[in-house]
N, C-alpha and C. Protein backbone atom coordinates (compact mmCIF):
# COMPACT_ATOMS: atom_id res chain seq x y z
N MET A 1 -23.27 -26.52 -36.97
CA MET A 1 -21.83 -26.45 -36.65
C MET A 1 -21.46 -25.17 -35.91
N THR A 2 -22.03 -24.08 -36.31
CA THR A 2 -21.76 -22.79 -35.65
C THR A 2 -22.19 -22.86 -34.18
N LEU A 3 -23.38 -23.50 -33.93
CA LEU A 3 -23.80 -23.59 -32.54
C LEU A 3 -22.91 -24.38 -31.70
N VAL A 4 -22.48 -25.52 -32.26
CA VAL A 4 -21.53 -26.38 -31.51
C VAL A 4 -20.20 -25.59 -31.15
N LEU A 5 -19.63 -24.93 -32.19
CA LEU A 5 -18.44 -24.12 -31.93
C LEU A 5 -18.71 -23.07 -30.90
N HIS A 6 -19.92 -22.43 -30.92
CA HIS A 6 -20.28 -21.41 -29.97
C HIS A 6 -20.33 -22.00 -28.55
N ILE A 7 -20.93 -23.16 -28.38
CA ILE A 7 -21.03 -23.83 -27.02
C ILE A 7 -19.66 -24.24 -26.57
N LEU A 8 -18.84 -24.69 -27.46
CA LEU A 8 -17.48 -25.16 -26.99
C LEU A 8 -16.65 -24.02 -26.63
N ALA A 9 -16.73 -22.91 -27.34
CA ALA A 9 -15.92 -21.69 -27.07
C ALA A 9 -16.38 -21.12 -25.73
N GLY A 10 -17.69 -21.12 -25.49
CA GLY A 10 -18.22 -20.56 -24.21
C GLY A 10 -17.76 -21.45 -23.04
N ALA A 11 -17.82 -22.70 -23.19
CA ALA A 11 -17.40 -23.59 -22.08
C ALA A 11 -15.85 -23.51 -21.86
N ALA A 12 -15.10 -23.40 -22.92
CA ALA A 12 -13.64 -23.27 -22.81
C ALA A 12 -13.33 -21.96 -22.14
N GLY A 13 -14.09 -20.85 -22.54
CA GLY A 13 -13.84 -19.54 -22.02
C GLY A 13 -14.16 -19.53 -20.51
N LEU A 14 -15.27 -20.19 -20.11
CA LEU A 14 -15.54 -20.21 -18.66
C LEU A 14 -14.49 -20.93 -17.86
N VAL A 15 -14.03 -22.07 -18.38
CA VAL A 15 -12.99 -22.84 -17.72
C VAL A 15 -11.67 -21.98 -17.63
N ALA A 16 -11.26 -21.47 -18.72
CA ALA A 16 -9.99 -20.72 -18.82
C ALA A 16 -10.16 -19.47 -17.90
N GLY A 17 -11.29 -18.80 -17.91
CA GLY A 17 -11.44 -17.64 -17.09
C GLY A 17 -11.38 -18.00 -15.60
N GLY A 18 -11.90 -19.19 -15.23
CA GLY A 18 -11.85 -19.65 -13.80
C GLY A 18 -10.43 -19.87 -13.46
N ILE A 19 -9.68 -20.47 -14.29
CA ILE A 19 -8.28 -20.88 -14.07
C ILE A 19 -7.45 -19.50 -13.87
N ALA A 20 -7.67 -18.63 -14.75
CA ALA A 20 -6.96 -17.37 -14.60
C ALA A 20 -7.37 -16.57 -13.44
N LEU A 21 -8.57 -16.71 -13.00
CA LEU A 21 -9.06 -16.00 -11.81
C LEU A 21 -8.50 -16.57 -10.61
N TYR A 22 -8.26 -17.88 -10.50
CA TYR A 22 -7.78 -18.52 -9.29
C TYR A 22 -6.24 -18.79 -9.19
N SER A 23 -5.54 -18.56 -10.39
CA SER A 23 -4.10 -18.81 -10.36
C SER A 23 -3.41 -17.54 -9.94
N ALA A 24 -2.13 -17.77 -9.62
CA ALA A 24 -1.33 -16.60 -9.10
C ALA A 24 -1.17 -15.59 -10.25
N LYS A 25 -1.52 -14.35 -9.88
CA LYS A 25 -1.47 -13.28 -10.89
C LYS A 25 -0.05 -13.07 -11.45
N GLY A 26 0.06 -13.00 -12.77
CA GLY A 26 1.32 -12.81 -13.44
C GLY A 26 2.09 -14.15 -13.69
N ALA A 27 1.67 -15.18 -13.05
CA ALA A 27 2.29 -16.52 -13.28
C ALA A 27 2.08 -16.95 -14.75
N ARG A 28 2.90 -17.89 -15.17
CA ARG A 28 2.72 -18.51 -16.49
C ARG A 28 1.32 -19.12 -16.71
N LEU A 29 0.77 -19.84 -15.77
CA LEU A 29 -0.57 -20.36 -15.88
C LEU A 29 -1.66 -19.25 -15.97
N HIS A 30 -1.43 -18.21 -15.21
CA HIS A 30 -2.43 -17.06 -15.26
C HIS A 30 -2.35 -16.38 -16.69
N ARG A 31 -1.21 -16.13 -17.16
CA ARG A 31 -1.04 -15.45 -18.40
C ARG A 31 -1.55 -16.36 -19.59
N GLY A 32 -1.24 -17.63 -19.54
CA GLY A 32 -1.65 -18.54 -20.62
C GLY A 32 -3.20 -18.76 -20.63
N SER A 33 -3.76 -19.02 -19.48
CA SER A 33 -5.21 -19.24 -19.41
C SER A 33 -5.88 -17.93 -19.68
N GLY A 34 -5.38 -16.78 -19.29
CA GLY A 34 -6.06 -15.45 -19.61
C GLY A 34 -6.06 -15.13 -21.07
N THR A 35 -4.94 -15.47 -21.76
CA THR A 35 -4.86 -15.31 -23.21
C THR A 35 -5.81 -16.28 -23.90
N PHE A 36 -5.87 -17.53 -23.44
CA PHE A 36 -6.80 -18.51 -24.05
C PHE A 36 -8.22 -18.04 -23.83
N PHE A 37 -8.52 -17.42 -22.71
CA PHE A 37 -9.87 -16.89 -22.33
C PHE A 37 -10.27 -15.84 -23.33
N VAL A 38 -9.28 -14.92 -23.63
CA VAL A 38 -9.59 -13.81 -24.56
C VAL A 38 -9.94 -14.43 -25.95
N TYR A 39 -9.20 -15.33 -26.44
CA TYR A 39 -9.48 -15.95 -27.78
C TYR A 39 -10.72 -16.74 -27.74
N ALA A 40 -11.04 -17.46 -26.72
CA ALA A 40 -12.31 -18.24 -26.63
C ALA A 40 -13.46 -17.27 -26.59
N VAL A 41 -13.42 -16.17 -25.88
CA VAL A 41 -14.50 -15.21 -25.88
C VAL A 41 -14.71 -14.55 -27.25
N LEU A 42 -13.58 -14.27 -27.84
CA LEU A 42 -13.67 -13.69 -29.23
C LEU A 42 -14.30 -14.62 -30.13
N VAL A 43 -14.03 -15.88 -30.12
CA VAL A 43 -14.78 -16.92 -30.99
C VAL A 43 -16.15 -16.96 -30.62
N LEU A 44 -16.45 -16.98 -29.27
CA LEU A 44 -17.83 -16.91 -28.83
C LEU A 44 -18.60 -15.79 -29.30
N THR A 45 -18.14 -14.58 -29.26
CA THR A 45 -18.81 -13.37 -29.76
C THR A 45 -19.01 -13.41 -31.32
N ILE A 46 -18.05 -13.90 -32.01
CA ILE A 46 -18.21 -14.02 -33.51
C ILE A 46 -19.26 -15.03 -33.88
N THR A 47 -19.25 -16.25 -33.25
CA THR A 47 -20.22 -17.24 -33.52
C THR A 47 -21.64 -16.83 -33.01
N GLY A 48 -21.67 -16.16 -31.89
CA GLY A 48 -22.89 -15.60 -31.35
C GLY A 48 -23.59 -14.56 -32.25
N THR A 49 -22.74 -13.71 -32.78
CA THR A 49 -23.17 -12.68 -33.74
C THR A 49 -23.74 -13.36 -35.02
N ALA A 50 -22.99 -14.37 -35.54
CA ALA A 50 -23.39 -15.09 -36.67
C ALA A 50 -24.78 -15.80 -36.37
N ILE A 51 -24.94 -16.45 -35.31
CA ILE A 51 -26.15 -17.13 -35.00
C ILE A 51 -27.31 -16.18 -34.88
N ALA A 52 -27.07 -15.02 -34.23
CA ALA A 52 -28.15 -14.09 -34.04
C ALA A 52 -28.55 -13.48 -35.32
N THR A 53 -27.64 -13.15 -36.18
CA THR A 53 -28.05 -12.45 -37.46
C THR A 53 -28.57 -13.45 -38.45
N LEU A 54 -27.89 -14.62 -38.65
CA LEU A 54 -28.24 -15.54 -39.74
C LEU A 54 -29.48 -16.33 -39.40
N GLN A 55 -29.72 -16.66 -38.13
CA GLN A 55 -30.82 -17.49 -37.72
C GLN A 55 -31.91 -16.65 -37.12
N GLY A 56 -31.70 -15.35 -36.90
CA GLY A 56 -32.74 -14.45 -36.44
C GLY A 56 -33.01 -14.70 -34.97
N VAL A 57 -32.03 -15.05 -34.09
CA VAL A 57 -32.16 -15.38 -32.74
C VAL A 57 -31.98 -14.03 -31.87
N ALA A 58 -33.08 -13.27 -31.80
CA ALA A 58 -33.06 -11.94 -31.02
C ALA A 58 -31.87 -11.19 -31.37
N PRO A 59 -31.67 -10.85 -32.68
CA PRO A 59 -30.49 -10.06 -33.07
C PRO A 59 -30.45 -8.61 -32.45
N GLY A 60 -31.60 -8.05 -32.02
CA GLY A 60 -31.55 -6.78 -31.44
C GLY A 60 -30.88 -6.72 -30.07
N VAL A 61 -30.87 -7.88 -29.38
CA VAL A 61 -30.25 -7.99 -28.05
C VAL A 61 -28.86 -8.65 -28.16
N ASN A 62 -28.86 -9.74 -28.97
CA ASN A 62 -27.58 -10.57 -29.01
C ASN A 62 -26.41 -9.94 -29.81
N VAL A 63 -26.71 -9.20 -30.78
CA VAL A 63 -25.54 -8.49 -31.56
C VAL A 63 -24.98 -7.42 -30.70
N PRO A 64 -25.70 -6.51 -30.11
CA PRO A 64 -25.05 -5.54 -29.28
C PRO A 64 -24.38 -6.17 -28.05
N ALA A 65 -24.91 -7.15 -27.49
CA ALA A 65 -24.26 -7.89 -26.33
C ALA A 65 -22.95 -8.52 -26.80
N ALA A 66 -22.91 -9.04 -27.91
CA ALA A 66 -21.67 -9.72 -28.45
C ALA A 66 -20.66 -8.69 -28.78
N LEU A 67 -21.06 -7.55 -29.38
CA LEU A 67 -20.14 -6.50 -29.66
C LEU A 67 -19.55 -5.88 -28.38
N LEU A 68 -20.41 -5.66 -27.40
CA LEU A 68 -19.93 -5.12 -26.15
C LEU A 68 -19.04 -6.08 -25.45
N THR A 69 -19.31 -7.33 -25.43
CA THR A 69 -18.38 -8.37 -24.86
C THR A 69 -17.09 -8.40 -25.54
N ALA A 70 -17.14 -8.37 -26.89
CA ALA A 70 -15.84 -8.35 -27.68
C ALA A 70 -15.04 -7.07 -27.33
N TYR A 71 -15.72 -5.96 -27.25
CA TYR A 71 -15.01 -4.70 -26.91
C TYR A 71 -14.33 -4.79 -25.49
N LEU A 72 -15.11 -5.26 -24.56
CA LEU A 72 -14.58 -5.37 -23.15
C LEU A 72 -13.40 -6.33 -23.10
N VAL A 73 -13.44 -7.41 -23.80
CA VAL A 73 -12.39 -8.39 -23.66
C VAL A 73 -11.14 -7.91 -24.40
N ILE A 74 -11.35 -7.27 -25.55
CA ILE A 74 -10.21 -6.69 -26.27
C ILE A 74 -9.57 -5.56 -25.46
N THR A 75 -10.31 -4.68 -24.94
CA THR A 75 -9.74 -3.57 -24.15
C THR A 75 -9.08 -4.11 -22.81
N ALA A 76 -9.66 -5.14 -22.30
CA ALA A 76 -9.10 -5.71 -21.03
C ALA A 76 -7.79 -6.31 -21.44
N ARG A 77 -7.61 -6.97 -22.61
CA ARG A 77 -6.38 -7.64 -22.98
C ARG A 77 -5.35 -6.60 -23.28
N LEU A 78 -5.74 -5.46 -23.89
CA LEU A 78 -4.78 -4.37 -24.17
C LEU A 78 -4.31 -3.69 -22.87
N THR A 79 -5.14 -3.77 -21.79
CA THR A 79 -4.79 -3.17 -20.52
C THR A 79 -3.76 -3.89 -19.73
N VAL A 80 -3.51 -5.20 -20.12
CA VAL A 80 -2.54 -6.00 -19.35
C VAL A 80 -1.14 -5.34 -19.46
N ARG A 81 -0.84 -4.78 -20.54
CA ARG A 81 0.46 -4.10 -20.71
C ARG A 81 0.53 -2.93 -19.68
N PRO A 82 1.67 -2.80 -18.91
CA PRO A 82 1.74 -1.70 -17.97
C PRO A 82 1.71 -0.35 -18.60
N ILE A 83 0.53 0.28 -18.57
CA ILE A 83 0.47 1.65 -19.19
C ILE A 83 0.02 2.73 -18.21
N ALA A 84 -0.71 2.32 -17.18
CA ALA A 84 -1.19 3.36 -16.29
C ALA A 84 -1.43 2.70 -14.87
N ALA A 85 -1.57 3.48 -13.91
CA ALA A 85 -1.71 2.98 -12.52
C ALA A 85 -3.02 2.26 -12.39
N GLY A 86 -4.09 2.80 -12.96
CA GLY A 86 -5.36 2.12 -12.80
C GLY A 86 -5.73 1.03 -13.81
N ALA A 87 -4.77 0.62 -14.65
CA ALA A 87 -5.04 -0.29 -15.71
C ALA A 87 -5.55 -1.59 -15.17
N GLN A 88 -4.95 -2.09 -14.09
CA GLN A 88 -5.29 -3.46 -13.58
C GLN A 88 -6.86 -3.42 -13.13
N THR A 89 -7.25 -2.23 -12.57
CA THR A 89 -8.71 -2.13 -12.09
C THR A 89 -9.62 -2.27 -13.32
N VAL A 90 -9.22 -1.51 -14.30
CA VAL A 90 -10.03 -1.55 -15.56
C VAL A 90 -10.09 -2.95 -16.11
N LEU A 91 -8.91 -3.59 -16.09
CA LEU A 91 -8.97 -4.98 -16.55
C LEU A 91 -9.80 -5.83 -15.69
N ALA A 92 -9.71 -5.78 -14.38
CA ALA A 92 -10.51 -6.55 -13.49
C ALA A 92 -11.99 -6.35 -13.73
N LEU A 93 -12.32 -5.17 -13.82
CA LEU A 93 -13.81 -4.86 -14.02
C LEU A 93 -14.31 -5.35 -15.32
N GLY A 94 -13.49 -5.18 -16.42
CA GLY A 94 -13.92 -5.64 -17.68
C GLY A 94 -14.08 -7.22 -17.72
N MET A 95 -13.15 -7.83 -17.10
CA MET A 95 -13.19 -9.29 -17.08
C MET A 95 -14.41 -9.75 -16.16
N LEU A 96 -14.72 -9.03 -15.10
CA LEU A 96 -15.82 -9.29 -14.26
C LEU A 96 -17.13 -9.27 -15.05
N VAL A 97 -17.28 -8.26 -15.89
CA VAL A 97 -18.53 -8.09 -16.69
C VAL A 97 -18.60 -9.20 -17.66
N VAL A 98 -17.48 -9.58 -18.28
CA VAL A 98 -17.53 -10.61 -19.33
C VAL A 98 -17.84 -12.00 -18.66
N LEU A 99 -17.28 -12.26 -17.56
CA LEU A 99 -17.54 -13.51 -16.86
C LEU A 99 -18.92 -13.62 -16.30
N ILE A 100 -19.47 -12.53 -15.81
CA ILE A 100 -20.88 -12.53 -15.30
C ILE A 100 -21.80 -12.67 -16.47
N VAL A 101 -21.57 -12.00 -17.65
CA VAL A 101 -22.41 -12.19 -18.81
C VAL A 101 -22.35 -13.67 -19.26
N GLY A 102 -21.05 -14.23 -19.33
CA GLY A 102 -20.97 -15.61 -19.73
C GLY A 102 -21.65 -16.57 -18.81
N GLY A 103 -21.48 -16.39 -17.56
CA GLY A 103 -22.21 -17.30 -16.56
C GLY A 103 -23.70 -17.18 -16.59
N THR A 104 -24.19 -15.99 -16.82
CA THR A 104 -25.65 -15.74 -16.90
C THR A 104 -26.18 -16.46 -18.19
N CYS A 105 -25.51 -16.22 -19.29
CA CYS A 105 -25.94 -16.88 -20.49
C CYS A 105 -25.93 -18.41 -20.41
N LEU A 106 -24.87 -18.95 -19.69
CA LEU A 106 -24.82 -20.35 -19.51
C LEU A 106 -25.95 -20.81 -18.70
N ALA A 107 -26.34 -20.03 -17.61
CA ALA A 107 -27.45 -20.46 -16.80
C ALA A 107 -28.73 -20.53 -17.54
N PHE A 108 -28.95 -19.42 -18.23
CA PHE A 108 -30.25 -19.32 -19.08
C PHE A 108 -30.33 -20.41 -20.11
N GLY A 109 -29.20 -20.71 -20.76
CA GLY A 109 -29.19 -21.73 -21.79
C GLY A 109 -29.40 -23.06 -21.21
N ILE A 110 -28.85 -23.44 -20.07
CA ILE A 110 -29.10 -24.71 -19.44
C ILE A 110 -30.56 -24.78 -19.01
N GLU A 111 -31.07 -23.69 -18.45
CA GLU A 111 -32.46 -23.67 -18.02
C GLU A 111 -33.43 -23.93 -19.16
N ALA A 112 -33.18 -23.34 -20.36
CA ALA A 112 -33.97 -23.53 -21.54
C ALA A 112 -33.92 -25.01 -22.00
N VAL A 113 -32.69 -25.57 -21.89
CA VAL A 113 -32.61 -27.00 -22.34
C VAL A 113 -33.21 -27.93 -21.37
N ALA A 114 -33.09 -27.61 -20.00
CA ALA A 114 -33.65 -28.44 -18.93
C ALA A 114 -35.13 -28.43 -18.87
N GLY A 115 -35.85 -27.46 -19.41
CA GLY A 115 -37.20 -27.46 -19.36
C GLY A 115 -37.89 -26.60 -18.34
N GLY A 116 -37.27 -25.53 -17.98
CA GLY A 116 -37.92 -24.57 -17.10
C GLY A 116 -38.07 -25.05 -15.71
N GLY A 117 -39.29 -24.94 -15.10
CA GLY A 117 -39.52 -25.13 -13.72
C GLY A 117 -39.72 -26.60 -13.27
N SER A 118 -39.52 -27.59 -14.18
CA SER A 118 -39.79 -29.00 -13.74
C SER A 118 -38.70 -29.45 -12.84
N ARG A 119 -37.45 -28.82 -12.74
CA ARG A 119 -36.35 -29.25 -11.88
C ARG A 119 -35.87 -28.03 -11.17
N LYS A 120 -36.68 -27.45 -10.29
CA LYS A 120 -36.21 -26.17 -9.63
C LYS A 120 -35.04 -26.30 -8.75
N GLY A 121 -34.88 -27.44 -8.10
CA GLY A 121 -33.70 -27.68 -7.28
C GLY A 121 -32.43 -27.66 -7.97
N ILE A 122 -32.42 -28.29 -9.14
CA ILE A 122 -31.26 -28.35 -9.90
C ILE A 122 -30.99 -27.05 -10.59
N LEU A 123 -32.05 -26.37 -11.10
CA LEU A 123 -31.83 -25.09 -11.74
C LEU A 123 -31.36 -24.01 -10.79
N ALA A 124 -31.63 -24.12 -9.52
CA ALA A 124 -31.14 -23.16 -8.48
C ALA A 124 -29.62 -23.17 -8.44
N LEU A 125 -29.01 -24.39 -8.79
CA LEU A 125 -27.57 -24.46 -8.84
C LEU A 125 -26.94 -23.65 -9.92
N LEU A 126 -27.67 -23.24 -10.97
CA LEU A 126 -27.19 -22.54 -12.07
C LEU A 126 -26.77 -21.12 -11.68
N ALA A 127 -27.31 -20.61 -10.57
CA ALA A 127 -26.88 -19.33 -10.04
C ALA A 127 -25.42 -19.35 -9.40
N VAL A 128 -25.00 -20.53 -9.06
CA VAL A 128 -23.66 -20.57 -8.46
C VAL A 128 -22.59 -19.97 -9.23
N PRO A 129 -22.36 -20.24 -10.53
CA PRO A 129 -21.26 -19.64 -11.30
C PRO A 129 -21.47 -18.10 -11.40
N VAL A 130 -22.71 -17.67 -11.58
CA VAL A 130 -22.99 -16.23 -11.69
C VAL A 130 -22.71 -15.54 -10.48
N VAL A 131 -22.94 -16.08 -9.24
CA VAL A 131 -22.65 -15.46 -7.97
C VAL A 131 -21.13 -15.58 -7.64
N ALA A 132 -20.55 -16.79 -8.01
CA ALA A 132 -19.15 -17.01 -7.67
C ALA A 132 -18.19 -16.02 -8.25
N VAL A 133 -18.43 -15.53 -9.52
CA VAL A 133 -17.55 -14.71 -10.18
C VAL A 133 -17.40 -13.38 -9.45
N PRO A 134 -18.48 -12.56 -9.13
CA PRO A 134 -18.27 -11.35 -8.41
C PRO A 134 -17.71 -11.56 -6.98
N LEU A 135 -18.10 -12.63 -6.32
CA LEU A 135 -17.58 -12.88 -4.98
C LEU A 135 -16.08 -13.04 -5.03
N THR A 136 -15.61 -13.79 -6.00
CA THR A 136 -14.21 -14.03 -6.18
C THR A 136 -13.41 -12.70 -6.44
N MET A 137 -14.08 -11.92 -7.35
CA MET A 137 -13.49 -10.64 -7.75
C MET A 137 -13.43 -9.67 -6.47
N PHE A 138 -14.44 -9.63 -5.70
CA PHE A 138 -14.42 -8.76 -4.52
C PHE A 138 -13.38 -9.26 -3.51
N TYR A 139 -13.25 -10.62 -3.39
CA TYR A 139 -12.20 -11.17 -2.56
C TYR A 139 -10.82 -10.64 -2.99
N TRP A 140 -10.51 -10.74 -4.29
CA TRP A 140 -9.22 -10.31 -4.77
C TRP A 140 -9.01 -8.74 -4.58
N LEU A 141 -10.04 -8.07 -4.85
CA LEU A 141 -9.97 -6.60 -4.62
C LEU A 141 -9.68 -6.29 -3.10
N TRP A 142 -10.35 -6.99 -2.24
CA TRP A 142 -10.05 -6.84 -0.80
C TRP A 142 -8.71 -7.22 -0.45
N ARG A 143 -8.24 -8.40 -1.05
CA ARG A 143 -6.91 -8.86 -0.70
C ARG A 143 -5.81 -7.92 -1.12
N VAL A 144 -5.99 -7.38 -2.34
CA VAL A 144 -4.91 -6.51 -2.86
C VAL A 144 -5.05 -5.07 -2.36
N ARG A 145 -6.26 -4.57 -2.31
CA ARG A 145 -6.42 -3.13 -1.90
C ARG A 145 -6.53 -2.92 -0.41
N VAL A 146 -7.20 -3.71 0.25
CA VAL A 146 -7.39 -3.47 1.72
C VAL A 146 -6.31 -4.15 2.53
N ARG A 147 -6.17 -5.39 2.35
CA ARG A 147 -5.09 -6.11 3.10
C ARG A 147 -3.68 -5.80 2.61
N ARG A 148 -3.55 -5.36 1.40
CA ARG A 148 -2.31 -4.99 0.74
C ARG A 148 -1.30 -6.06 0.83
N THR A 149 -1.71 -7.31 0.70
CA THR A 149 -0.80 -8.44 0.73
C THR A 149 -0.76 -9.04 -0.64
N LEU A 150 0.51 -9.30 -1.13
CA LEU A 150 0.65 -9.92 -2.40
C LEU A 150 1.35 -11.20 -2.27
N ARG A 151 1.39 -11.77 -1.08
CA ARG A 151 2.06 -13.00 -0.80
C ARG A 151 1.37 -14.11 -1.68
N GLY A 152 2.10 -14.95 -2.38
CA GLY A 152 1.52 -15.94 -3.19
C GLY A 152 1.15 -15.50 -4.59
N MET A 153 1.41 -14.18 -4.86
CA MET A 153 1.08 -13.69 -6.18
C MET A 153 2.33 -13.37 -6.93
N ALA A 154 2.49 -13.77 -8.12
CA ALA A 154 3.72 -13.45 -8.92
C ALA A 154 3.46 -12.25 -9.68
N LEU A 155 3.99 -11.11 -9.39
CA LEU A 155 3.73 -9.89 -10.12
C LEU A 155 5.09 -9.32 -10.75
N ALA A 156 4.95 -8.81 -11.88
CA ALA A 156 6.15 -8.17 -12.45
C ALA A 156 6.13 -6.71 -12.05
N SER A 157 7.27 -6.25 -11.67
CA SER A 157 7.36 -4.82 -11.17
C SER A 157 7.32 -3.87 -12.33
N ALA A 158 6.67 -2.75 -12.23
CA ALA A 158 6.54 -1.82 -13.29
C ALA A 158 7.84 -1.05 -13.34
N PRO A 159 8.27 -0.64 -14.56
CA PRO A 159 9.51 0.14 -14.62
C PRO A 159 9.35 1.52 -13.91
N ASP A 160 10.43 2.02 -13.33
CA ASP A 160 10.42 3.23 -12.70
C ASP A 160 10.24 4.43 -13.67
N ALA A 161 9.44 5.37 -13.30
CA ALA A 161 9.30 6.53 -14.15
C ALA A 161 10.48 7.43 -13.88
N ALA A 162 10.98 8.06 -14.98
CA ALA A 162 12.03 8.96 -14.77
C ALA A 162 11.62 10.37 -14.64
């Protein structure tokens, strides 16, 4: 049962993270899917830690990875509140790490289930989500930092400092 919950939380987290990544920043869809992503990843880390410790599935690697992922997603969620000028960059980098770790784990999990090298053409497609996440993140960084265009993005203005 724990493994099924772990798989469902991981799949839901990847879908919600993708929706948050591609929706207009600050919009209702972005906020809702981002919050759902945080909760899904937290369920994922809790069940992953339980599986690793109770079933002995590489606990030396999986428990620290789960704790790091939980830390990153919690601190990224806390960064959403307007607290500092560089907070959004920290949020973006934290989410990037979490999404890359999730995509990589998904790819290795599917490869293990699919049977290794017997279907190399299909398994090569597993790299697509892992590569798509950083490419999308770099696109957004370029769009916001270099082009300095926010057209199509719903952003809340930060309060003026007195």
